[in-house]
Every structure is written in structure tokens, then in C-alpha cells.
Amino acid sequence: MDKDKVRVIKISKEALFEFIYENFIAKQDEYLDVDKTEVSNYFDIDYENGNFIFCAIKFEDEDGNFLSMPAEINLQKLMKIIPDTTDSMLSPTSKYYKEYSKDELAELSKL
């Protein structure tokens, strides 16, 4: 690169969150301690407050039936209620996630 040049990337908020989401997908085995071929992902974004929530659930049950996030789990509400699960996604010694039951998240979504 030329010594007098500056290379710049400027992106929108939507593009930034898309980048974040794609990185979470790519590194979910590391971040969530899951096999990415065995889970489905759900996420939401609070653009106003700059919050992001990313979840993984088991893809199918033992009989091969597809599983999905229960409709009563509201990720927008959960972003306002549950505390951050980590201070940094760059800490190599951190556990990034907290595990909840679907029932717990459904109850929290009612608040």
C-alpha cells in the first residue's frame, strides 16, 4: 500500500449488524460450544440501543423432527431484560454464553 494512502471502509448500521451476525454464525462453535451442523440460529437487533442477541437451539429431536424457537420467546424483550453474557467477544478465556431453558426464556418474555 502506498505510504500516502488511507483505505477506508464505511458501512451502515444494517451492514454492521449483518457483519456481526455472519461472524457469529461462522464462530458459533467457539462462542456457543455447539456443533454448527446440529443447531438452528435465531437473532435480533435493537437498532435504537445497539444491542444484539444470538441464540442457538438443537436443530432436530431424537426422532428427526425439526425444532424451532417457541413463538412465546420474544428476543426483543429478552434483550431488555437479560444481562450481557460477556464483557468481550475477544476474550479467549471467557465463556461467552449463558444457557437458559426454553421455559425460562418464555417466562422472561412475559415480563
C-alpha atoms as a PDB file:
ATOM      1  CA  MET A   1       0.000   0.000   0.000  1.00  0.00           C
ATOM      2  CA  ASP A   2       1.219   3.489  -0.811  1.00  0.00           C
ATOM      3  CA  LYS A   3       2.528   5.422   2.220  1.00  0.00           C
ATOM      4  CA  ASP A   4       0.332   8.418   1.396  1.00  0.00           C
ATOM      5  CA  LYS A   5      -2.895   6.459   1.006  1.00  0.00           C
ATOM      6  CA  VAL A   6      -5.604   5.586   3.518  1.00  0.00           C
ATOM      7  CA  ARG A   7      -8.001   2.734   2.834  1.00  0.00           C
ATOM      8  CA  VAL A   8     -11.412   3.309   4.363  1.00  0.00           C
ATOM      9  CA  ILE A   9     -14.432   1.118   4.963  1.00  0.00           C
ATOM     10  CA  LYS A  10     -17.618   2.927   5.946  1.00  0.00           C
ATOM     11  CA  ILE A  11     -20.809   0.907   6.349  1.00  0.00           C
ATOM     12  CA  SER A  12     -24.375   1.451   7.502  1.00  0.00           C
ATOM     13  CA  LYS A  13     -25.777   0.209  10.786  1.00  0.00           C
ATOM     14  CA  GLU A  14     -27.597  -2.564   8.908  1.00  0.00           C
ATOM     15  CA  ALA A  15     -24.382  -3.685   7.204  1.00  0.00           C
ATOM     16  CA  LEU A  16     -22.571  -3.615  10.545  1.00  0.00           C
ATOM     17  CA  PHE A  17     -25.153  -5.863  12.170  1.00  0.00           C
ATOM     18  CA  GLU A  18     -25.104  -8.150   9.127  1.00  0.00           C
ATOM     19  CA  PHE A  19     -21.328  -8.431   9.569  1.00  0.00           C
ATOM     20  CA  ILE A  20     -21.753  -9.202  13.264  1.00  0.00           C
ATOM     21  CA  TYR A  21     -24.422 -11.821  12.567  1.00  0.00           C
ATOM     22  CA  GLU A  22     -22.338 -13.559   9.896  1.00  0.00           C
ATOM     23  CA  ASN A  23     -19.352 -13.658  12.246  1.00  0.00           C
ATOM     24  CA  PHE A  24     -21.488 -15.200  14.986  1.00  0.00           C
ATOM     25  CA  ILE A  25     -22.656 -17.859  12.510  1.00  0.00           C
ATOM     26  CA  ALA A  26     -19.072 -18.573  11.468  1.00  0.00           C
ATOM     27  CA  LYS A  27     -17.776 -18.810  15.048  1.00  0.00           C
ATOM     28  CA  GLN A  28     -20.777 -20.253  16.877  1.00  0.00           C
ATOM     29  CA  ASP A  29     -18.892 -23.459  17.626  1.00  0.00           C
ATOM     30  CA  GLU A  30     -16.397 -21.344  19.575  1.00  0.00           C
ATOM     31  CA  TYR A  31     -18.854 -18.815  21.032  1.00  0.00           C
ATOM     32  CA  LEU A  32     -21.669 -21.214  21.991  1.00  0.00           C
ATOM     33  CA  ASP A  33     -19.762 -24.506  22.278  1.00  0.00           C
ATOM     34  CA  VAL A  34     -22.048 -26.197  19.715  1.00  0.00           C
ATOM     35  CA  ASP A  35     -21.665 -28.239  16.560  1.00  0.00           C
ATOM     36  CA  LYS A  36     -22.954 -25.794  13.942  1.00  0.00           C
ATOM     37  CA  THR A  37     -24.443 -28.653  11.912  1.00  0.00           C
ATOM     38  CA  GLU A  38     -26.734 -29.595  14.810  1.00  0.00           C
ATOM     39  CA  VAL A  39     -28.309 -26.234  15.653  1.00  0.00           C
ATOM     40  CA  SER A  40     -30.626 -23.575  14.278  1.00  0.00           C
ATOM     41  CA  ASN A  41     -29.852 -19.932  14.957  1.00  0.00           C
ATOM     42  CA  TYR A  42     -32.091 -17.066  15.924  1.00  0.00           C
ATOM     43  CA  PHE A  43     -31.086 -13.465  16.389  1.00  0.00           C
ATOM     44  CA  ASP A  44     -32.491  -9.998  16.748  1.00  0.00           C
ATOM     45  CA  ILE A  45     -31.171  -6.481  16.835  1.00  0.00           C
ATOM     46  CA  ASP A  46     -32.230  -3.413  18.772  1.00  0.00           C
ATOM     47  CA  TYR A  47     -31.031  -0.714  16.392  1.00  0.00           C
ATOM     48  CA  GLU A  48     -32.053   2.084  18.740  1.00  0.00           C
ATOM     49  CA  ASN A  49     -29.932   0.865  21.659  1.00  0.00           C
ATOM     50  CA  GLY A  50     -27.299  -1.044  19.685  1.00  0.00           C
ATOM     51  CA  ASN A  51     -27.988  -4.440  21.268  1.00  0.00           C
ATOM     52  CA  PHE A  52     -27.664  -7.818  19.569  1.00  0.00           C
ATOM     53  CA  ILE A  53     -28.916 -11.214  20.721  1.00  0.00           C
ATOM     54  CA  PHE A  54     -27.889 -14.513  19.151  1.00  0.00           C
ATOM     55  CA  CYS A  55     -29.321 -17.889  20.137  1.00  0.00           C
ATOM     56  CA  ALA A  56     -28.861 -21.490  19.120  1.00  0.00           C
ATOM     57  CA  ILE A  57     -31.269 -24.347  19.654  1.00  0.00           C
ATOM     58  CA  LYS A  58     -30.990 -28.014  18.775  1.00  0.00           C
ATOM     59  CA  PHE A  59     -31.947 -28.469  15.096  1.00  0.00           C
ATOM     60  CA  GLU A  60     -33.946 -31.681  15.494  1.00  0.00           C
ATOM     61  CA  ASP A  61     -35.148 -34.038  18.180  1.00  0.00           C
ATOM     62  CA  GLU A  62     -34.113 -37.667  18.570  1.00  0.00           C
ATOM     63  CA  ASP A  63     -36.871 -38.730  16.129  1.00  0.00           C
ATOM     64  CA  GLY A  64     -35.622 -36.392  13.392  1.00  0.00           C
ATOM     65  CA  ASN A  65     -38.392 -33.805  13.828  1.00  0.00           C
ATOM     66  CA  PHE A  66     -37.303 -30.228  13.181  1.00  0.00           C
ATOM     67  CA  LEU A  67     -37.325 -27.961  16.214  1.00  0.00           C
ATOM     68  CA  SER A  68     -37.940 -24.225  16.269  1.00  0.00           C
ATOM     69  CA  MET A  69     -37.811 -21.393  18.748  1.00  0.00           C
ATOM     70  CA  PRO A  70     -41.135 -21.272  20.624  1.00  0.00           C
ATOM     71  CA  ALA A  71     -43.312 -18.363  19.487  1.00  0.00           C
ATOM     72  CA  GLU A  72     -43.687 -17.145  23.071  1.00  0.00           C
ATOM     73  CA  ILE A  73     -39.963 -16.342  23.257  1.00  0.00           C
ATOM     74  CA  ASN A  74     -39.584 -12.673  22.353  1.00  0.00           C
ATOM     75  CA  LEU A  75     -35.970 -11.796  21.577  1.00  0.00           C
ATOM     76  CA  GLN A  76     -36.674  -8.037  21.579  1.00  0.00           C
ATOM     77  CA  LYS A  77     -37.983  -8.279  25.155  1.00  0.00           C
ATOM     78  CA  LEU A  78     -35.151 -10.556  26.223  1.00  0.00           C
ATOM     79  CA  MET A  79     -32.575  -8.016  25.029  1.00  0.00           C
ATOM     80  CA  LYS A  80     -34.064  -5.543  27.506  1.00  0.00           C
ATOM     81  CA  ILE A  81     -34.312  -7.996  30.404  1.00  0.00           C
ATOM     82  CA  ILE A  82     -31.352 -10.350  30.489  1.00  0.00           C
ATOM     83  CA  PRO A  83     -27.884  -9.046  31.337  1.00  0.00           C
ATOM     84  CA  ASP A  84     -24.984  -9.171  28.902  1.00  0.00           C
ATOM     85  CA  THR A  85     -23.483 -12.640  28.892  1.00  0.00           C
ATOM     86  CA  THR A  86     -19.903 -11.454  28.405  1.00  0.00           C
ATOM     87  CA  ASP A  87     -17.924  -8.231  28.603  1.00  0.00           C
ATOM     88  CA  SER A  88     -15.960  -9.024  25.442  1.00  0.00           C
ATOM     89  CA  MET A  89     -16.260 -11.396  22.495  1.00  0.00           C
ATOM     90  CA  LEU A  90     -12.479 -11.187  22.117  1.00  0.00           C
ATOM     91  CA  SER A  91     -11.505 -12.678  25.467  1.00  0.00           C
ATOM     92  CA  PRO A  92     -10.044 -16.142  24.819  1.00  0.00           C
ATOM     93  CA  THR A  93     -10.713 -17.298  28.384  1.00  0.00           C
ATOM     94  CA  SER A  94     -14.297 -16.099  28.628  1.00  0.00           C
ATOM     95  CA  LYS A  95     -17.440 -18.197  28.490  1.00  0.00           C
ATOM     96  CA  TYR A  96     -19.500 -16.083  26.121  1.00  0.00           C
ATOM     97  CA  TYR A  97     -22.935 -17.576  26.636  1.00  0.00           C
ATOM     98  CA  LYS A  98     -25.417 -18.357  29.380  1.00  0.00           C
ATOM     99  CA  GLU A  99     -27.697 -21.344  28.905  1.00  0.00           C
ATOM    100  CA  TYR A 100     -31.414 -20.951  29.622  1.00  0.00           C
ATOM    101  CA  SER A 101     -34.265 -23.401  29.211  1.00  0.00           C
ATOM    102  CA  LYS A 102     -36.928 -22.569  26.648  1.00  0.00           C
ATOM    103  CA  ASP A 103     -39.404 -22.334  29.542  1.00  0.00           C
ATOM    104  CA  GLU A 104     -37.202 -19.795  31.347  1.00  0.00           C
ATOM    105  CA  LEU A 105     -36.967 -17.611  28.249  1.00  0.00           C
ATOM    106  CA  ALA A 106     -40.715 -17.870  27.648  1.00  0.00           C
ATOM    107  CA  GLU A 107     -41.350 -16.721  31.243  1.00  0.00           C
ATOM    108  CA  LEU A 108     -38.890 -13.846  30.916  1.00  0.00           C
ATOM    109  CA  SER A 109     -40.592 -12.840  27.663  1.00  0.00           C
ATOM    110  CA  LYS A 110     -43.829 -12.303  29.606  1.00  0.00           C
ATOM    111  CA  LEU A 111     -42.303  -9.602  31.818  1.00  0.00           C
END
